[in-house]
Amino acid sequence: MDSSSDHRSLQAKTARELLWTSNHSFHGWTCSQCEWNYPLPTLLNDPEAKTAYDRLAAAKFRDHKCADHHSRLAPADDADSFTPRIRKLVSQGFKPKDAVELFLQEVALEYRNNPKVLAQAKADGEDFLRRVRAGLI
C-alpha cells in the first residue's frame, strides 16, 4: 500500500470527516474540510496509548471549527498563490524556512520588474511559515 495515500475514516457524522493521513512528512489525524490536524506524537508505541490518542483526536476534531482554519477546498494549482511552489520545495527535502528563502530568490529572478508579484510572493512565504509554526502544515 502506498503510504502517501493512506487515509482511513474515523468519524463521518457531518459533511466533514476525520481522516488518518500518513505520508513522508506527516502522520496523524486531519479534517477533510480544513487544515486542522492532530499529529501523531513521536515514539508512541503502546497500543493503549494509541487508542487514547485516537479518542483524544476524535474529541478535538468534534470541538474544532473549520472556519478557524484555512480551507482544504482551494485548488492546489491556484495561480494567485505561490504556496504550491513552496510545498514542492519542502517535499524535495528543504526545511520550510530554507524553502521560503529559496522560493523568494527564484521569484525575485523571475519577476524582478514586478513589485506587486514580489510583494505577493513574500506574503505567501510568510503565511506558509506561520502555518508551519501553527502546526497546520
C-alpha atoms as a PDB file:
ATOM      1  CA  MET A   1       0.000   0.000   0.000  1.00  0.00           C
ATOM      2  CA  ASP A   2       1.290   3.455  -0.886  1.00  0.00           C
ATOM      3  CA  SER A   3       1.820   5.281   2.425  1.00  0.00           C
ATOM      4  CA  SER A   4       1.274   8.680   0.788  1.00  0.00           C
ATOM      5  CA  SER A   5      -2.354   7.787   0.170  1.00  0.00           C
ATOM      6  CA  ASP A   6      -3.116   6.013   3.455  1.00  0.00           C
ATOM      7  CA  HIS A   7      -6.373   7.527   4.693  1.00  0.00           C
ATOM      8  CA  ARG A   8      -8.899   5.889   6.970  1.00  0.00           C
ATOM      9  CA  SER A   9     -12.086   7.499   8.167  1.00  0.00           C
ATOM     10  CA  LEU A  10     -12.735   7.501  11.919  1.00  0.00           C
ATOM     11  CA  GLN A  11     -15.920   9.543  12.008  1.00  0.00           C
ATOM     12  CA  ALA A  12     -18.413  10.720   9.415  1.00  0.00           C
ATOM     13  CA  LYS A  13     -21.344  12.321  11.267  1.00  0.00           C
ATOM     14  CA  THR A  14     -21.301  15.566   9.311  1.00  0.00           C
ATOM     15  CA  ALA A  15     -20.077  16.660   5.896  1.00  0.00           C
ATOM     16  CA  ARG A  16     -16.568  16.744   7.288  1.00  0.00           C
ATOM     17  CA  GLU A  17     -14.616  13.636   8.200  1.00  0.00           C
ATOM     18  CA  LEU A  18     -11.719  12.871  10.462  1.00  0.00           C
ATOM     19  CA  LEU A  19      -9.072  11.315   8.229  1.00  0.00           C
ATOM     20  CA  TRP A  20      -5.905   9.446   9.110  1.00  0.00           C
ATOM     21  CA  THR A  21      -3.131  10.842   6.942  1.00  0.00           C
ATOM     22  CA  SER A  22       0.204   9.134   6.573  1.00  0.00           C
ATOM     23  CA  ASN A  23       2.946  10.285   4.229  1.00  0.00           C
ATOM     24  CA  HIS A  24       6.665  11.001   4.358  1.00  0.00           C
ATOM     25  CA  SER A  25       6.235  14.270   6.285  1.00  0.00           C
ATOM     26  CA  PHE A  26       3.101  13.817   8.403  1.00  0.00           C
ATOM     27  CA  HIS A  27       1.383  11.082  10.392  1.00  0.00           C
ATOM     28  CA  GLY A  28      -1.813  11.908  12.221  1.00  0.00           C
ATOM     29  CA  TRP A  29      -5.437  12.930  12.018  1.00  0.00           C
ATOM     30  CA  THR A  30      -6.693  15.678   9.691  1.00  0.00           C
ATOM     31  CA  CYS A  31     -10.028  17.244   8.804  1.00  0.00           C
ATOM     32  CA  SER A  32     -11.401  16.597   5.324  1.00  0.00           C
ATOM     33  CA  GLN A  33     -12.701  20.179   5.043  1.00  0.00           C
ATOM     34  CA  CYS A  34      -9.929  22.354   6.527  1.00  0.00           C
ATOM     35  CA  GLU A  35      -6.261  22.279   7.507  1.00  0.00           C
ATOM     36  CA  TRP A  36      -6.925  21.251  11.125  1.00  0.00           C
ATOM     37  CA  ASN A  37      -4.623  18.402  12.091  1.00  0.00           C
ATOM     38  CA  TYR A  38      -3.624  16.369  15.116  1.00  0.00           C
ATOM     39  CA  PRO A  39      -0.138  14.904  14.553  1.00  0.00           C
ATOM     40  CA  LEU A  40       0.891  11.544  15.962  1.00  0.00           C
ATOM     41  CA  PRO A  41       3.444  12.041  18.752  1.00  0.00           C
ATOM     42  CA  THR A  42       6.832  10.531  18.029  1.00  0.00           C
ATOM     43  CA  LEU A  43       7.718   7.287  19.815  1.00  0.00           C
ATOM     44  CA  LEU A  44       4.078   6.447  20.551  1.00  0.00           C
ATOM     45  CA  ASN A  45       4.234   2.640  20.527  1.00  0.00           C
ATOM     46  CA  ASP A  46       1.971   1.352  23.296  1.00  0.00           C
ATOM     47  CA  PRO A  47      -1.384   0.113  21.890  1.00  0.00           C
ATOM     48  CA  GLU A  48      -3.331   1.555  24.840  1.00  0.00           C
ATOM     49  CA  ALA A  49      -1.634   4.924  24.337  1.00  0.00           C
ATOM     50  CA  LYS A  50      -2.513   4.826  20.625  1.00  0.00           C
ATOM     51  CA  THR A  51      -6.150   4.135  21.493  1.00  0.00           C
ATOM     52  CA  ALA A  52      -6.173   7.039  23.950  1.00  0.00           C
ATOM     53  CA  TYR A  53      -4.555   9.236  21.287  1.00  0.00           C
ATOM     54  CA  ASP A  54      -7.304   8.285  18.796  1.00  0.00           C
ATOM     55  CA  ARG A  55     -10.043   9.117  21.331  1.00  0.00           C
ATOM     56  CA  LEU A  56      -8.413  12.464  22.129  1.00  0.00           C
ATOM     57  CA  ALA A  57      -8.047  13.268  18.420  1.00  0.00           C
ATOM     58  CA  ALA A  58     -11.735  12.487  17.831  1.00  0.00           C
ATOM     59  CA  ALA A  59     -12.745  14.783  20.711  1.00  0.00           C
ATOM     60  CA  LYS A  60     -10.509  17.611  19.455  1.00  0.00           C
ATOM     61  CA  PHE A  61     -11.915  17.091  15.951  1.00  0.00           C
ATOM     62  CA  ARG A  62     -15.505  17.398  17.180  1.00  0.00           C
ATOM     63  CA  ASP A  63     -14.630  20.621  19.028  1.00  0.00           C
ATOM     64  CA  HIS A  64     -12.735  22.345  16.194  1.00  0.00           C
ATOM     65  CA  LYS A  65     -14.407  24.887  13.924  1.00  0.00           C
ATOM     66  CA  CYS A  66     -13.426  24.687  10.261  1.00  0.00           C
ATOM     67  CA  ALA A  67     -13.913  28.460   9.959  1.00  0.00           C
ATOM     68  CA  ASP A  68     -10.900  28.931  12.277  1.00  0.00           C
ATOM     69  CA  HIS A  69      -8.602  27.108   9.815  1.00  0.00           C
ATOM     70  CA  HIS A  70      -7.686  27.543   6.165  1.00  0.00           C
ATOM     71  CA  SER A  71      -9.897  25.617   3.777  1.00  0.00           C
ATOM     72  CA  ARG A  72      -8.671  22.433   2.111  1.00  0.00           C
ATOM     73  CA  LEU A  73     -11.056  23.031  -0.768  1.00  0.00           C
ATOM     74  CA  ALA A  74      -8.889  25.627  -2.557  1.00  0.00           C
ATOM     75  CA  PRO A  75      -7.416  24.291  -5.805  1.00  0.00           C
ATOM     76  CA  ALA A  76      -3.817  23.120  -5.493  1.00  0.00           C
ATOM     77  CA  ASP A  77      -2.794  24.907  -8.687  1.00  0.00           C
ATOM     78  CA  ASP A  78      -4.190  28.309  -7.669  1.00  0.00           C
ATOM     79  CA  ALA A  79      -2.497  30.846  -9.949  1.00  0.00           C
ATOM     80  CA  ASP A  80      -2.858  33.606  -7.330  1.00  0.00           C
ATOM     81  CA  SER A  81      -0.894  31.670  -4.718  1.00  0.00           C
ATOM     82  CA  PHE A  82       2.738  30.651  -4.607  1.00  0.00           C
ATOM     83  CA  THR A  83       2.176  28.148  -1.790  1.00  0.00           C
ATOM     84  CA  PRO A  84       2.266  25.051  -4.054  1.00  0.00           C
ATOM     85  CA  ARG A  85       5.781  26.018  -5.182  1.00  0.00           C
ATOM     86  CA  ILE A  86       6.916  26.315  -1.560  1.00  0.00           C
ATOM     87  CA  ARG A  87       5.305  22.984  -0.670  1.00  0.00           C
ATOM     88  CA  LYS A  88       7.136  21.351  -3.578  1.00  0.00           C
ATOM     89  CA  LEU A  89      10.495  22.578  -2.266  1.00  0.00           C
ATOM     90  CA  VAL A  90       9.670  21.260   1.206  1.00  0.00           C
ATOM     91  CA  SER A  91       8.659  17.910  -0.283  1.00  0.00           C
ATOM     92  CA  GLN A  92      12.060  17.794  -2.003  1.00  0.00           C
ATOM     93  CA  GLY A  93      13.767  17.917   1.404  1.00  0.00           C
ATOM     94  CA  PHE A  94      14.264  21.609   2.152  1.00  0.00           C
ATOM     95  CA  LYS A  95      13.436  22.893   5.625  1.00  0.00           C
ATOM     96  CA  PRO A  96      10.408  25.241   5.480  1.00  0.00           C
ATOM     97  CA  LYS A  97      12.419  28.382   6.234  1.00  0.00           C
ATOM     98  CA  ASP A  98      15.044  27.474   3.611  1.00  0.00           C
ATOM     99  CA  ALA A  99      12.328  26.588   1.082  1.00  0.00           C
ATOM    100  CA  VAL A 100      10.698  30.012   1.518  1.00  0.00           C
ATOM    101  CA  GLU A 101      14.047  31.782   1.161  1.00  0.00           C
ATOM    102  CA  LEU A 102      14.922  29.831  -1.998  1.00  0.00           C
ATOM    103  CA  PHE A 103      11.430  30.422  -3.381  1.00  0.00           C
ATOM    104  CA  LEU A 104      11.713  34.191  -2.789  1.00  0.00           C
ATOM    105  CA  GLN A 105      15.058  34.239  -4.605  1.00  0.00           C
ATOM    106  CA  GLU A 106      13.516  32.382  -7.560  1.00  0.00           C
ATOM    107  CA  VAL A 107      10.580  34.788  -7.723  1.00  0.00           C
ATOM    108  CA  ALA A 108      12.920  37.780  -7.499  1.00  0.00           C
ATOM    109  CA  LEU A 109      14.750  36.483 -10.575  1.00  0.00           C
ATOM    110  CA  GLU A 110      11.565  35.630 -12.479  1.00  0.00           C
ATOM    111  CA  TYR A 111       9.605  38.806 -11.688  1.00  0.00           C
ATOM    112  CA  ARG A 112      12.297  41.400 -10.954  1.00  0.00           C
ATOM    113  CA  ASN A 113      10.320  44.182 -12.694  1.00  0.00           C
ATOM    114  CA  ASN A 114       7.011  43.459 -10.992  1.00  0.00           C
ATOM    115  CA  PRO A 115       6.926  44.666  -7.363  1.00  0.00           C
ATOM    116  CA  LYS A 116       3.289  43.592  -6.929  1.00  0.00           C
ATOM    117  CA  VAL A 117       4.166  39.947  -7.651  1.00  0.00           C
ATOM    118  CA  LEU A 118       7.210  40.160  -5.362  1.00  0.00           C
ATOM    119  CA  ALA A 119       5.027  41.504  -2.532  1.00  0.00           C
ATOM    120  CA  GLN A 120       2.503  38.682  -3.054  1.00  0.00           C
ATOM    121  CA  ALA A 121       5.297  36.092  -3.009  1.00  0.00           C
ATOM    122  CA  LYS A 122       6.671  37.497   0.250  1.00  0.00           C
ATOM    123  CA  ALA A 123       3.185  37.480   1.821  1.00  0.00           C
ATOM    124  CA  ASP A 124       2.618  33.876   0.706  1.00  0.00           C
ATOM    125  CA  GLY A 125       6.004  32.854   2.121  1.00  0.00           C
ATOM    126  CA  GLU A 126       5.259  34.482   5.481  1.00  0.00           C
ATOM    127  CA  ASP A 127       1.816  32.866   5.578  1.00  0.00           C
ATOM    128  CA  PHE A 128       3.336  29.472   4.788  1.00  0.00           C
ATOM    129  CA  LEU A 129       5.829  29.786   7.656  1.00  0.00           C
ATOM    130  CA  ARG A 130       3.071  30.944  10.015  1.00  0.00           C
ATOM    131  CA  ARG A 131       1.003  27.875   9.176  1.00  0.00           C
ATOM    132  CA  VAL A 132       4.036  25.632   9.673  1.00  0.00           C
ATOM    133  CA  ARG A 133       4.683  27.188  13.111  1.00  0.00           C
ATOM    134  CA  ALA A 134       0.994  26.792  13.996  1.00  0.00           C
ATOM    135  CA  GLY A 135       1.159  23.123  13.025  1.00  0.00           C
ATOM    136  CA  LEU A 136      -1.341  23.463  10.200  1.00  0.00           C
ATOM    137  CA  ILE A 137       1.058  22.143   7.598  1.00  0.00           C
END
